[in-house]
Amino acid sequence: MSAATHEIIRCAHVTVRYGERLALDDVTTAIPCGVATAILGPNGAGKSTFLRALLGWHALAPGGEIRIGDAHAHHQLPRLAYLPQRHAIDWDFPITVRAVVAQGRYPSLRPWQCLRAADHAAIDRAMGELGITELGDRQIRMLSGGQQQRVFLARALAQGADIFLLDEPFAGLDLYATEELTHILRAWVAQGRTVLAAVHDLALARAHFSHALLLNTRLVAAGPVAKVLTEEHINAAFRGGRCLHDNPLRGVSTTHFPA
């Protein structure tokens, strides 16, 4: 059985509120293992909220559930690595590239425990895979946008995760850095890793992602990119049309299972 023939993430009736505001509304879907899935939708559609919910950072409304593999999400957090949006990072903070990558090892340490030989080896491997070994002593504020992105991808890799949650990783990157990032993500998928990335560019999603999840608070469609990014679905998501989640007989698969 290939890595992409089973589901690694399953969401059932996931609803998230920020006070009175509904951020995600009854989302039921599944993410295949070992593929790159683009999460798309208009601003405020719930893309970032969906990623943070997978991390267990948002309380779900009663009846909602997220499972990673065969276990509850909060039991599987070491498998998940998160790359925040660039504007959420303080690029002026005085920290070196290697120190940033080393942060990926902290979740595996006990309180006050120092980095072990195995941790340093994981850091070296991650920096080598992302091609930033020679940048180890540089301050992150001195790097290009593409280099900065690779540093935080290396931090995620050093964590030992096999599921990567990336929040708008292409934002602010030039064409060269964008191509470099898509090459990295393709390599990760080829190695059996799972990538979920919130993106805005429909053309980029079509070109570099095999699967897509289209949101507008509710689930519009999920599945292979060619079946999700149709004119009808895009209109439903971006122009306020009826969501296909309300009509499961339209041919786009959404997985339902008991909460």
C-alpha atoms as a PDB file:
ATOM      1  CA  MET A   1       0.000   0.000   0.000  1.00  0.00           C
ATOM      2  CA  SER A   2       1.426   3.398  -0.937  1.00  0.00           C
ATOM      3  CA  ALA A   3       1.687   6.225   1.576  1.00  0.00           C
ATOM      4  CA  ALA A   4      -1.071   8.174  -0.168  1.00  0.00           C
ATOM      5  CA  THR A   5      -3.681   5.419   0.021  1.00  0.00           C
ATOM      6  CA  HIS A   6      -4.709   6.066   3.609  1.00  0.00           C
ATOM      7  CA  GLU A   7      -5.758   9.097   5.628  1.00  0.00           C
ATOM      8  CA  ILE A   8      -3.364  10.612   8.154  1.00  0.00           C
ATOM      9  CA  ILE A   9      -5.675  13.379   9.434  1.00  0.00           C
ATOM     10  CA  ARG A  10      -9.404  13.022   9.992  1.00  0.00           C
ATOM     11  CA  CYS A  11     -11.690  15.843  11.050  1.00  0.00           C
ATOM     12  CA  ALA A  12     -15.291  15.290  12.104  1.00  0.00           C
ATOM     13  CA  HIS A  13     -17.736  18.178  12.654  1.00  0.00           C
ATOM     14  CA  VAL A  14     -14.961  20.626  13.517  1.00  0.00           C
ATOM     15  CA  THR A  15     -16.394  23.953  14.636  1.00  0.00           C
ATOM     16  CA  VAL A  16     -14.273  26.768  16.084  1.00  0.00           C
ATOM     17  CA  ARG A  17     -15.504  30.112  17.426  1.00  0.00           C
ATOM     18  CA  TYR A  18     -13.655  33.277  18.389  1.00  0.00           C
ATOM     19  CA  GLY A  19     -16.134  34.598  20.896  1.00  0.00           C
ATOM     20  CA  GLU A  20     -19.290  35.162  18.890  1.00  0.00           C
ATOM     21  CA  ARG A  21     -17.566  34.865  15.522  1.00  0.00           C
ATOM     22  CA  LEU A  22     -17.723  31.522  13.730  1.00  0.00           C
ATOM     23  CA  ALA A  23     -14.291  30.730  12.278  1.00  0.00           C
ATOM     24  CA  LEU A  24     -14.911  27.110  11.175  1.00  0.00           C
ATOM     25  CA  ASP A  25     -18.363  25.620  10.786  1.00  0.00           C
ATOM     26  CA  ASP A  26     -18.918  21.841  10.956  1.00  0.00           C
ATOM     27  CA  VAL A  27     -15.922  20.835   8.830  1.00  0.00           C
ATOM     28  CA  THR A  28     -15.693  17.101   8.169  1.00  0.00           C
ATOM     29  CA  THR A  29     -12.894  15.958   5.898  1.00  0.00           C
ATOM     30  CA  ALA A  30      -9.780  13.779   5.682  1.00  0.00           C
ATOM     31  CA  ILE A  31      -6.215  14.453   4.527  1.00  0.00           C
ATOM     32  CA  PRO A  32      -4.330  11.682   2.692  1.00  0.00           C
ATOM     33  CA  CYS A  33      -0.929  10.606   3.935  1.00  0.00           C
ATOM     34  CA  GLY A  34       2.141  11.476   1.900  1.00  0.00           C
ATOM     35  CA  VAL A  35       0.676  14.208  -0.318  1.00  0.00           C
ATOM     36  CA  ALA A  36       0.821  17.994  -0.562  1.00  0.00           C
ATOM     37  CA  THR A  37      -2.560  19.570   0.197  1.00  0.00           C
ATOM     38  CA  ALA A  38      -3.234  23.258  -0.473  1.00  0.00           C
ATOM     39  CA  ILE A  39      -5.715  24.945   1.857  1.00  0.00           C
ATOM     40  CA  LEU A  40      -7.479  27.704  -0.050  1.00  0.00           C
ATOM     41  CA  GLY A  41     -10.248  30.200   0.457  1.00  0.00           C
ATOM     42  CA  PRO A  42     -10.879  33.939   0.760  1.00  0.00           C
ATOM     43  CA  ASN A  43      -9.520  36.034   3.614  1.00  0.00           C
ATOM     44  CA  GLY A  44     -11.276  35.049   6.817  1.00  0.00           C
ATOM     45  CA  ALA A  45     -12.259  31.645   5.431  1.00  0.00           C
ATOM     46  CA  GLY A  46     -10.618  29.769   8.311  1.00  0.00           C
ATOM     47  CA  LYS A  47      -7.401  28.547   6.673  1.00  0.00           C
ATOM     48  CA  SER A  48      -5.102  29.521   9.547  1.00  0.00           C
ATOM     49  CA  THR A  49      -7.694  28.467  12.089  1.00  0.00           C
ATOM     50  CA  PHE A  50      -7.867  25.025  10.499  1.00  0.00           C
ATOM     51  CA  LEU A  51      -4.090  24.576  10.808  1.00  0.00           C
ATOM     52  CA  ARG A  52      -4.058  25.764  14.416  1.00  0.00           C
ATOM     53  CA  ALA A  53      -6.976  23.492  15.250  1.00  0.00           C
ATOM     54  CA  LEU A  54      -4.932  20.533  14.011  1.00  0.00           C
ATOM     55  CA  LEU A  55      -2.253  21.562  16.505  1.00  0.00           C
ATOM     56  CA  GLY A  56      -4.792  21.587  19.324  1.00  0.00           C
ATOM     57  CA  TRP A  57      -4.492  25.346  19.809  1.00  0.00           C
ATOM     58  CA  HIS A  58      -8.238  25.976  19.524  1.00  0.00           C
ATOM     59  CA  ALA A  59     -10.987  24.404  21.554  1.00  0.00           C
ATOM     60  CA  LEU A  60     -13.499  22.613  19.347  1.00  0.00           C
ATOM     61  CA  ALA A  61     -17.231  22.971  19.831  1.00  0.00           C
ATOM     62  CA  PRO A  62     -18.904  19.926  21.424  1.00  0.00           C
ATOM     63  CA  GLY A  63     -19.177  17.027  19.002  1.00  0.00           C
ATOM     64  CA  GLY A  64     -16.098  17.960  17.011  1.00  0.00           C
ATOM     65  CA  GLU A  65     -13.032  15.762  16.771  1.00  0.00           C
ATOM     66  CA  ILE A  66      -9.631  15.726  15.082  1.00  0.00           C
ATOM     67  CA  ARG A  67      -7.551  12.557  14.845  1.00  0.00           C
ATOM     68  CA  ILE A  68      -3.973  12.215  13.648  1.00  0.00           C
ATOM     69  CA  GLY A  69      -3.317   8.674  12.465  1.00  0.00           C
ATOM     70  CA  ASP A  70      -5.125   6.367  14.859  1.00  0.00           C
ATOM     71  CA  ALA A  71      -4.780   8.580  17.924  1.00  0.00           C
ATOM     72  CA  HIS A  72      -6.182  11.821  19.215  1.00  0.00           C
ATOM     73  CA  ALA A  73      -4.342  14.884  17.949  1.00  0.00           C
ATOM     74  CA  HIS A  74      -2.989  15.932  21.351  1.00  0.00           C
ATOM     75  CA  HIS A  75      -1.226  12.562  21.649  1.00  0.00           C
ATOM     76  CA  GLN A  76       0.526  13.037  18.316  1.00  0.00           C
ATOM     77  CA  LEU A  77       1.914  16.574  18.515  1.00  0.00           C
ATOM     78  CA  PRO A  78       5.553  15.468  18.025  1.00  0.00           C
ATOM     79  CA  ARG A  79       4.503  14.325  14.535  1.00  0.00           C
ATOM     80  CA  LEU A  80       3.297  17.823  13.662  1.00  0.00           C
ATOM     81  CA  ALA A  81       5.533  20.765  12.800  1.00  0.00           C
ATOM     82  CA  TYR A  82       4.161  24.262  12.220  1.00  0.00           C
ATOM     83  CA  LEU A  83       5.519  27.157  10.158  1.00  0.00           C
ATOM     84  CA  PRO A  84       3.770  30.416  11.111  1.00  0.00           C
ATOM     85  CA  GLN A  85       3.077  33.321   8.813  1.00  0.00           C
ATOM     86  CA  ARG A  86       6.098  35.542   8.237  1.00  0.00           C
ATOM     87  CA  HIS A  87       4.499  38.568   9.876  1.00  0.00           C
ATOM     88  CA  ALA A  88       4.213  36.593  13.126  1.00  0.00           C
ATOM     89  CA  ILE A  89       8.012  36.262  13.386  1.00  0.00           C
ATOM     90  CA  ASP A  90      10.214  38.942  14.962  1.00  0.00           C
ATOM     91  CA  TRP A  91      12.971  39.092  12.359  1.00  0.00           C
ATOM     92  CA  ASP A  92      14.922  41.640  14.438  1.00  0.00           C
ATOM     93  CA  PHE A  93      15.300  39.301  17.407  1.00  0.00           C
ATOM     94  CA  PRO A  94      19.050  38.660  17.862  1.00  0.00           C
ATOM     95  CA  ILE A  95      19.261  34.934  17.210  1.00  0.00           C
ATOM     96  CA  THR A  96      21.438  32.859  14.916  1.00  0.00           C
ATOM     97  CA  VAL A  97      20.283  30.447  12.247  1.00  0.00           C
ATOM     98  CA  ARG A  98      21.497  27.411  14.195  1.00  0.00           C
ATOM     99  CA  ALA A  99      19.739  28.591  17.353  1.00  0.00           C
ATOM    100  CA  VAL A 100      16.462  28.875  15.451  1.00  0.00           C
ATOM    101  CA  VAL A 101      16.808  25.368  14.013  1.00  0.00           C
ATOM    102  CA  ALA A 102      17.702  24.058  17.490  1.00  0.00           C
ATOM    103  CA  GLN A 103      14.296  25.229  18.735  1.00  0.00           C
ATOM    104  CA  GLY A 104      12.832  22.293  16.849  1.00  0.00           C
ATOM    105  CA  ARG A 105      14.441  19.952  19.391  1.00  0.00           C
ATOM    106  CA  TYR A 106      13.032  21.641  22.501  1.00  0.00           C
ATOM    107  CA  PRO A 107       9.711  19.722  22.576  1.00  0.00           C
ATOM    108  CA  SER A 108      11.629  16.465  22.997  1.00  0.00           C
ATOM    109  CA  LEU A 109      13.658  17.711  25.980  1.00  0.00           C
ATOM    110  CA  ARG A 110      12.765  17.510  29.633  1.00  0.00           C
ATOM    111  CA  PRO A 111      12.689  20.795  31.603  1.00  0.00           C
ATOM    112  CA  TRP A 112      16.207  22.265  31.958  1.00  0.00           C
ATOM    113  CA  GLN A 113      17.711  19.471  29.867  1.00  0.00           C
ATOM    114  CA  CYS A 114      20.514  20.492  27.509  1.00  0.00           C
ATOM    115  CA  LEU A 115      20.715  19.483  23.883  1.00  0.00           C
ATOM    116  CA  ARG A 116      22.105  15.968  23.529  1.00  0.00           C
ATOM    117  CA  ALA A 117      24.357  14.510  20.864  1.00  0.00           C
ATOM    118  CA  ALA A 118      21.300  13.113  19.081  1.00  0.00           C
ATOM    119  CA  ASP A 119      19.736  16.587  19.081  1.00  0.00           C
ATOM    120  CA  HIS A 120      22.819  18.177  17.555  1.00  0.00           C
ATOM    121  CA  ALA A 121      22.880  15.440  14.910  1.00  0.00           C
ATOM    122  CA  ALA A 122      19.222  16.133  14.051  1.00  0.00           C
ATOM    123  CA  ILE A 123      19.988  19.842  13.770  1.00  0.00           C
ATOM    124  CA  ASP A 124      22.939  19.136  11.474  1.00  0.00           C
ATOM    125  CA  ARG A 125      20.818  16.874   9.266  1.00  0.00           C
ATOM    126  CA  ALA A 126      18.022  19.420   8.976  1.00  0.00           C
ATOM    127  CA  MET A 127      20.392  22.267   8.134  1.00  0.00           C
ATOM    128  CA  GLY A 128      22.172  20.093   5.593  1.00  0.00           C
ATOM    129  CA  GLU A 129      18.929  19.030   3.910  1.00  0.00           C
ATOM    130  CA  LEU A 130      17.805  22.645   3.597  1.00  0.00           C
ATOM    131  CA  GLY A 131      21.218  23.830   2.420  1.00  0.00           C
ATOM    132  CA  ILE A 132      21.840  26.319   5.233  1.00  0.00           C
ATOM    133  CA  THR A 133      24.772  24.727   7.046  1.00  0.00           C
ATOM    134  CA  GLU A 134      27.109  27.561   6.088  1.00  0.00           C
ATOM    135  CA  LEU A 135      24.623  30.107   7.472  1.00  0.00           C
ATOM    136  CA  GLY A 136      24.643  28.664  10.997  1.00  0.00           C
ATOM    137  CA  ASP A 137      26.298  31.662  12.697  1.00  0.00           C
ATOM    138  CA  ARG A 138      24.381  34.317  10.756  1.00  0.00           C
ATOM    139  CA  GLN A 139      21.655  36.402  12.381  1.00  0.00           C
ATOM    140  CA  ILE A 140      18.290  35.634  10.805  1.00  0.00           C
ATOM    141  CA  ARG A 141      17.642  39.330  10.099  1.00  0.00           C
ATOM    142  CA  MET A 142      20.648  39.305   7.734  1.00  0.00           C
ATOM    143  CA  LEU A 143      19.168  36.646   5.451  1.00  0.00           C
ATOM    144  CA  SER A 144      17.072  36.921   2.310  1.00  0.00           C
ATOM    145  CA  GLY A 145      13.397  36.037   2.465  1.00  0.00           C
ATOM    146  CA  GLY A 146      14.010  32.655   0.863  1.00  0.00           C
ATOM    147  CA  GLN A 147      16.853  31.885   3.257  1.00  0.00           C
ATOM    148  CA  GLN A 148      14.723  32.868   6.250  1.00  0.00           C
ATOM    149  CA  GLN A 149      11.983  30.528   5.076  1.00  0.00           C
ATOM    150  CA  ARG A 150      14.460  27.668   4.744  1.00  0.00           C
ATOM    151  CA  VAL A 151      15.665  28.276   8.313  1.00  0.00           C
ATOM    152  CA  PHE A 152      12.170  27.786   9.696  1.00  0.00           C
ATOM    153  CA  LEU A 153      11.574  24.782   7.469  1.00  0.00           C
ATOM    154  CA  ALA A 154      14.769  23.326   8.923  1.00  0.00           C
ATOM    155  CA  ARG A 155      13.463  23.995  12.420  1.00  0.00           C
ATOM    156  CA  ALA A 156      10.331  22.014  11.553  1.00  0.00           C
ATOM    157  CA  LEU A 157      12.444  19.244  10.072  1.00  0.00           C
ATOM    158  CA  ALA A 158      14.718  19.078  13.124  1.00  0.00           C
ATOM    159  CA  GLN A 159      11.659  18.398  15.246  1.00  0.00           C
ATOM    160  CA  GLY A 160      11.425  14.951  13.658  1.00  0.00           C
ATOM    161  CA  ALA A 161       7.935  15.561  12.306  1.00  0.00           C
ATOM    162  CA  ASP A 162       6.403  13.858   9.294  1.00  0.00           C
ATOM    163  CA  ILE A 163       3.390  16.189   8.980  1.00  0.00           C
ATOM    164  CA  PHE A 164       4.143  19.817   8.125  1.00  0.00           C
ATOM    165  CA  LEU A 165       1.575  22.593   8.604  1.00  0.00           C
ATOM    166  CA  LEU A 166       2.627  25.720   6.731  1.00  0.00           C
ATOM    167  CA  ASP A 167       0.693  28.978   7.084  1.00  0.00           C
ATOM    168  CA  GLU A 168       1.069  31.035   3.900  1.00  0.00           C
ATOM    169  CA  PRO A 169       4.666  29.900   3.286  1.00  0.00           C
ATOM    170  CA  PHE A 170       4.846  31.611  -0.131  1.00  0.00           C
ATOM    171  CA  ALA A 171       3.802  35.065   1.099  1.00  0.00           C
ATOM    172  CA  GLY A 172       6.453  37.688   0.421  1.00  0.00           C
ATOM    173  CA  LEU A 173       8.754  35.378  -1.546  1.00  0.00           C
ATOM    174  CA  ASP A 174      10.163  36.306  -4.936  1.00  0.00           C
ATOM    175  CA  LEU A 175       9.916  33.978  -7.921  1.00  0.00           C
ATOM    176  CA  TYR A 176      13.252  32.266  -7.243  1.00  0.00           C
ATOM    177  CA  ALA A 177      12.438  31.646  -3.571  1.00  0.00           C
ATOM    178  CA  THR A 178       8.981  30.371  -4.513  1.00  0.00           C
ATOM    179  CA  GLU A 179      10.455  27.866  -6.963  1.00  0.00           C
ATOM    180  CA  GLU A 180      12.994  26.828  -4.336  1.00  0.00           C
ATOM    181  CA  LEU A 181      10.252  26.238  -1.776  1.00  0.00           C
ATOM    182  CA  THR A 182       8.106  24.192  -4.166  1.00  0.00           C
ATOM    183  CA  HIS A 183      11.163  22.035  -4.895  1.00  0.00           C
ATOM    184  CA  ILE A 184      11.624  21.410  -1.147  1.00  0.00           C
ATOM    185  CA  LEU A 185       7.961  20.492  -0.673  1.00  0.00           C
ATOM    186  CA  ARG A 186       8.011  18.110  -3.644  1.00  0.00           C
ATOM    187  CA  ALA A 187      11.094  16.415  -2.175  1.00  0.00           C
ATOM    188  CA  TRP A 188       9.362  16.025   1.187  1.00  0.00           C
ATOM    189  CA  VAL A 189       6.321  14.417  -0.417  1.00  0.00           C
ATOM    190  CA  ALA A 190       8.572  12.088  -2.416  1.00  0.00           C
ATOM    191  CA  GLN A 191      10.011  10.968   0.930  1.00  0.00           C
ATOM    192  CA  GLY A 192       6.528  10.118   2.231  1.00  0.00           C
ATOM    193  CA  ARG A 193       5.994  13.253   4.284  1.00  0.00           C
ATOM    194  CA  THR A 194       2.637  15.032   4.441  1.00  0.00           C
ATOM    195  CA  VAL A 195       2.379  18.756   3.718  1.00  0.00           C
ATOM    196  CA  LEU A 196      -0.582  21.062   4.361  1.00  0.00           C
ATOM    197  CA  ALA A 197      -0.089  24.660   3.281  1.00  0.00           C
ATOM    198  CA  ALA A 198      -2.439  27.621   3.384  1.00  0.00           C
ATOM    199  CA  VAL A 199      -1.997  29.409   0.049  1.00  0.00           C
ATOM    200  CA  HIS A 200      -3.692  32.232  -1.853  1.00  0.00           C
ATOM    201  CA  ASP A 201      -2.488  31.565  -5.396  1.00  0.00           C
ATOM    202  CA  LEU A 202      -4.818  29.196  -7.252  1.00  0.00           C
ATOM    203  CA  ALA A 203      -2.359  28.754 -10.117  1.00  0.00           C
ATOM    204  CA  LEU A 204       0.410  27.808  -7.692  1.00  0.00           C
ATOM    205  CA  ALA A 205      -1.898  25.292  -6.012  1.00  0.00           C
ATOM    206  CA  ARG A 206      -2.780  23.719  -9.357  1.00  0.00           C
ATOM    207  CA  ALA A 207       0.863  23.500 -10.406  1.00  0.00           C
ATOM    208  CA  HIS A 208       2.492  22.221  -7.221  1.00  0.00           C
ATOM    209  CA  PHE A 209      -0.134  20.505  -5.037  1.00  0.00           C
ATOM    210  CA  SER A 210      -1.875  17.218  -5.742  1.00  0.00           C
ATOM    211  CA  HIS A 211      -4.761  17.826  -3.324  1.00  0.00           C
ATOM    212  CA  ALA A 212      -6.730  20.819  -2.129  1.00  0.00           C
ATOM    213  CA  LEU A 213      -9.109  21.777   0.629  1.00  0.00           C
ATOM    214  CA  LEU A 214     -11.365  24.719  -0.201  1.00  0.00           C
ATOM    215  CA  LEU A 215     -12.904  26.615   2.704  1.00  0.00           C
ATOM    216  CA  ASN A 216     -15.217  29.509   3.322  1.00  0.00           C
ATOM    217  CA  THR A 217     -15.814  28.900   7.029  1.00  0.00           C
ATOM    218  CA  ARG A 218     -17.637  25.741   5.929  1.00  0.00           C
ATOM    219  CA  LEU A 219     -16.041  23.093   3.736  1.00  0.00           C
ATOM    220  CA  VAL A 220     -16.657  23.795   0.065  1.00  0.00           C
ATOM    221  CA  ALA A 221     -14.730  20.867  -1.422  1.00  0.00           C
ATOM    222  CA  ALA A 222     -11.814  18.562  -0.687  1.00  0.00           C
ATOM    223  CA  GLY A 223      -9.890  16.033  -2.759  1.00  0.00           C
ATOM    224  CA  PRO A 224      -7.604  16.005  -5.813  1.00  0.00           C
ATOM    225  CA  VAL A 225      -6.847  19.496  -7.093  1.00  0.00           C
ATOM    226  CA  ALA A 226      -8.496  18.974 -10.482  1.00  0.00           C
ATOM    227  CA  LYS A 227     -11.793  18.032  -8.825  1.00  0.00           C
ATOM    228  CA  VAL A 228     -11.690  20.748  -6.184  1.00  0.00           C
ATOM    229  CA  LEU A 229     -10.562  23.812  -8.120  1.00  0.00           C
ATOM    230  CA  THR A 230     -13.426  23.929 -10.583  1.00  0.00           C
ATOM    231  CA  GLU A 231     -15.204  27.111 -11.556  1.00  0.00           C
ATOM    232  CA  GLU A 232     -18.289  26.092  -9.597  1.00  0.00           C
ATOM    233  CA  HIS A 233     -16.362  25.404  -6.406  1.00  0.00           C
ATOM    234  CA  ILE A 234     -14.257  28.551  -6.689  1.00  0.00           C
ATOM    235  CA  ASN A 235     -17.389  30.637  -7.159  1.00  0.00           C
ATOM    236  CA  ALA A 236     -18.939  28.989  -4.115  1.00  0.00           C
ATOM    237  CA  ALA A 237     -15.888  29.781  -1.984  1.00  0.00           C
ATOM    238  CA  PHE A 238     -14.954  33.256  -3.200  1.00  0.00           C
ATOM    239  CA  ARG A 239     -18.329  34.692  -4.245  1.00  0.00           C
ATOM    240  CA  GLY A 240     -20.494  33.400  -1.447  1.00  0.00           C
ATOM    241  CA  GLY A 241     -22.227  30.631  -3.378  1.00  0.00           C
ATOM    242  CA  ARG A 242     -23.706  27.514  -1.812  1.00  0.00           C
ATOM    243  CA  CYS A 243     -21.067  25.248  -0.279  1.00  0.00           C
ATOM    244  CA  LEU A 244     -20.862  21.721  -1.615  1.00  0.00           C
ATOM    245  CA  HIS A 245     -20.535  20.466   1.945  1.00  0.00           C
ATOM    246  CA  ASP A 246     -24.314  20.951   2.016  1.00  0.00           C
ATOM    247  CA  ASN A 247     -24.764  18.640  -0.968  1.00  0.00           C
ATOM    248  CA  PRO A 248     -22.523  15.547  -0.742  1.00  0.00           C
ATOM    249  CA  LEU A 249     -23.891  14.122  -3.991  1.00  0.00           C
ATOM    250  CA  ARG A 250     -21.784  16.401  -6.186  1.00  0.00           C
ATOM    251  CA  GLY A 251     -18.914  13.948  -6.688  1.00  0.00           C
ATOM    252  CA  VAL A 252     -16.271  15.502  -4.459  1.00  0.00           C
ATOM    253  CA  SER A 253     -15.438  13.117  -1.647  1.00  0.00           C
ATOM    254  CA  THR A 254     -15.597  14.253   1.960  1.00  0.00           C
ATOM    255  CA  THR A 255     -15.041  11.552   4.539  1.00  0.00           C
ATOM    256  CA  HIS A 256     -17.589  11.241   7.335  1.00  0.00           C
ATOM    257  CA  PHE A 257     -17.092   9.088  10.419  1.00  0.00           C
ATOM    258  CA  PRO A 258     -18.613   8.962  13.899  1.00  0.00           C
ATOM    259  CA  ALA A 259     -17.500  11.610  16.348  1.00  0.00           C
END
